[in-house]
């Protein structure tokens, strides 16, 4: 996947930059920062989706319980025979 790159100016704490240089070296910083941001964004999107799903499940829980109670007698029909 090749995308257009743009130059930005980012301010980092000195100790973070030193750690970045130790891990990636000064010539591979951009790649490591890009990969890290992509992973972070994927994780945040996953968390957001999970939260939305949970809210949806909670919102429909009352309706689901009502349906279960409506069909409870039909679901239990014929169980005495077994």
C-alpha atoms as a PDB file:
ATOM      1  CA  UNK A   1       0.000   0.000   0.000  1.00  0.00           C
ATOM      2  CA  UNK A   2       1.662   3.192  -1.169  1.00  0.00           C
ATOM      3  CA  UNK A   3       0.205   6.472  -0.001  1.00  0.00           C
ATOM      4  CA  UNK A   4       1.303  10.033  -0.422  1.00  0.00           C
ATOM      5  CA  UNK A   5       3.442  11.245   2.437  1.00  0.00           C
ATOM      6  CA  UNK A   6       3.461  14.690   3.978  1.00  0.00           C
ATOM      7  CA  UNK A   7       6.015  16.324   6.199  1.00  0.00           C
ATOM      8  CA  UNK A   8       4.787  17.518   9.606  1.00  0.00           C
ATOM      9  CA  UNK A   9       6.426  19.086  12.601  1.00  0.00           C
ATOM     10  CA  UNK A  10       5.929  17.137  15.834  1.00  0.00           C
ATOM     11  CA  UNK A  11       7.162  18.068  19.282  1.00  0.00           C
ATOM     12  CA  UNK A  12       8.230  15.179  21.525  1.00  0.00           C
ATOM     13  CA  UNK A  13       9.698  14.995  24.993  1.00  0.00           C
ATOM     14  CA  UNK A  14      13.473  14.558  24.752  1.00  0.00           C
ATOM     15  CA  UNK A  15      13.483  11.193  26.539  1.00  0.00           C
ATOM     16  CA  UNK A  16      10.852   9.834  24.124  1.00  0.00           C
ATOM     17  CA  UNK A  17      12.908  10.961  21.138  1.00  0.00           C
ATOM     18  CA  UNK A  18      16.003   9.320  22.611  1.00  0.00           C
ATOM     19  CA  UNK A  19      14.097   6.054  23.067  1.00  0.00           C
ATOM     20  CA  UNK A  20      12.756   6.324  19.521  1.00  0.00           C
ATOM     21  CA  UNK A  21      16.259   6.822  18.160  1.00  0.00           C
ATOM     22  CA  UNK A  22      17.519   3.790  20.107  1.00  0.00           C
ATOM     23  CA  UNK A  23      14.793   1.566  18.715  1.00  0.00           C
ATOM     24  CA  UNK A  24      14.444   2.829  15.150  1.00  0.00           C
ATOM     25  CA  UNK A  25      17.532   4.872  14.545  1.00  0.00           C
ATOM     26  CA  UNK A  26      17.336   8.420  13.200  1.00  0.00           C
ATOM     27  CA  UNK A  27      16.684   7.291   9.610  1.00  0.00           C
ATOM     28  CA  UNK A  28      13.711   4.998  10.370  1.00  0.00           C
ATOM     29  CA  UNK A  29      11.819   7.202  12.831  1.00  0.00           C
ATOM     30  CA  UNK A  30       9.102   8.190  10.376  1.00  0.00           C
ATOM     31  CA  UNK A  31       8.338   4.573   9.502  1.00  0.00           C
ATOM     32  CA  UNK A  32       8.142   3.525  13.161  1.00  0.00           C
ATOM     33  CA  UNK A  33       5.963   6.508  14.060  1.00  0.00           C
ATOM     34  CA  UNK A  34       3.651   5.779  11.080  1.00  0.00           C
ATOM     35  CA  UNK A  35       3.335   2.096  11.957  1.00  0.00           C
ATOM     36  CA  UNK A  36       2.723   2.914  15.613  1.00  0.00           C
ATOM     37  CA  UNK A  37       0.036   5.452  14.752  1.00  0.00           C
ATOM     38  CA  UNK A  38      -1.673   3.005  12.387  1.00  0.00           C
ATOM     39  CA  UNK A  39      -1.769   0.379  15.121  1.00  0.00           C
ATOM     40  CA  UNK A  40      -3.006   2.893  17.687  1.00  0.00           C
ATOM     41  CA  UNK A  41      -5.765   4.100  15.349  1.00  0.00           C
ATOM     42  CA  UNK A  42      -6.827   0.493  14.597  1.00  0.00           C
ATOM     43  CA  UNK A  43      -7.024  -0.220  18.320  1.00  0.00           C
ATOM     44  CA  UNK A  44      -9.044   2.949  19.023  1.00  0.00           C
ATOM     45  CA  UNK A  45     -11.460   2.078  16.198  1.00  0.00           C
ATOM     46  CA  UNK A  46     -11.840  -1.420  17.635  1.00  0.00           C
ATOM     47  CA  UNK A  47     -12.544  -0.024  21.114  1.00  0.00           C
ATOM     48  CA  UNK A  48     -15.074   2.426  19.665  1.00  0.00           C
ATOM     49  CA  UNK A  49     -16.853  -0.346  17.741  1.00  0.00           C
ATOM     50  CA  UNK A  50     -16.941  -2.599  20.806  1.00  0.00           C
ATOM     51  CA  UNK A  51     -18.452   0.253  22.833  1.00  0.00           C
ATOM     52  CA  UNK A  52     -21.096   0.878  20.151  1.00  0.00           C
ATOM     53  CA  UNK A  53     -21.949  -2.834  20.038  1.00  0.00           C
ATOM     54  CA  UNK A  54     -22.239  -2.984  23.818  1.00  0.00           C
ATOM     55  CA  UNK A  55     -24.531   0.062  23.829  1.00  0.00           C
ATOM     56  CA  UNK A  56     -26.640  -1.535  21.103  1.00  0.00           C
ATOM     57  CA  UNK A  57     -26.919  -4.802  23.017  1.00  0.00           C
ATOM     58  CA  UNK A  58     -27.900  -2.928  26.173  1.00  0.00           C
ATOM     59  CA  UNK A  59     -30.489  -0.880  24.284  1.00  0.00           C
ATOM     60  CA  UNK A  60     -32.127  -3.978  22.819  1.00  0.00           C
ATOM     61  CA  UNK A  61     -31.916  -6.059  26.012  1.00  0.00           C
ATOM     62  CA  UNK A  62     -35.337  -4.966  27.302  1.00  0.00           C
ATOM     63  CA  UNK A  63     -36.980  -5.805  23.982  1.00  0.00           C
ATOM     64  CA  UNK A  64     -35.260  -9.194  23.911  1.00  0.00           C
ATOM     65  CA  UNK A  65     -36.421 -10.034  27.429  1.00  0.00           C
ATOM     66  CA  UNK A  66     -39.984  -9.068  26.504  1.00  0.00           C
ATOM     67  CA  UNK A  67     -39.867 -11.382  23.463  1.00  0.00           C
ATOM     68  CA  UNK A  68     -38.501 -14.248  25.549  1.00  0.00           C
ATOM     69  CA  UNK A  69     -41.357 -13.878  28.026  1.00  0.00           C
ATOM     70  CA  UNK A  70     -43.914 -13.684  25.203  1.00  0.00           C
ATOM     71  CA  UNK A  71     -42.792 -17.004  23.725  1.00  0.00           C
ATOM     72  CA  UNK A  72     -41.941 -18.764  26.998  1.00  0.00           C
ATOM     73  CA  UNK A  73     -45.160 -20.776  27.101  1.00  0.00           C
ATOM     74  CA  UNK A  74     -44.753 -21.894  23.476  1.00  0.00           C
ATOM     75  CA  UNK A  75     -41.110 -22.820  24.041  1.00  0.00           C
ATOM     76  CA  UNK A  76     -42.026 -25.045  26.985  1.00  0.00           C
ATOM     77  CA  UNK A  77     -44.960 -26.766  25.235  1.00  0.00           C
ATOM     78  CA  UNK A  78     -44.532 -30.515  25.040  1.00  0.00           C
ATOM     79  CA  UNK A  79     -41.556 -30.734  27.397  1.00  0.00           C
ATOM     80  CA  UNK A  80     -43.585 -32.793  29.909  1.00  0.00           C
ATOM     81  CA  UNK A  81     -43.594 -35.661  27.425  1.00  0.00           C
ATOM     82  CA  UNK A  82     -39.817 -36.172  27.575  1.00  0.00           C
END
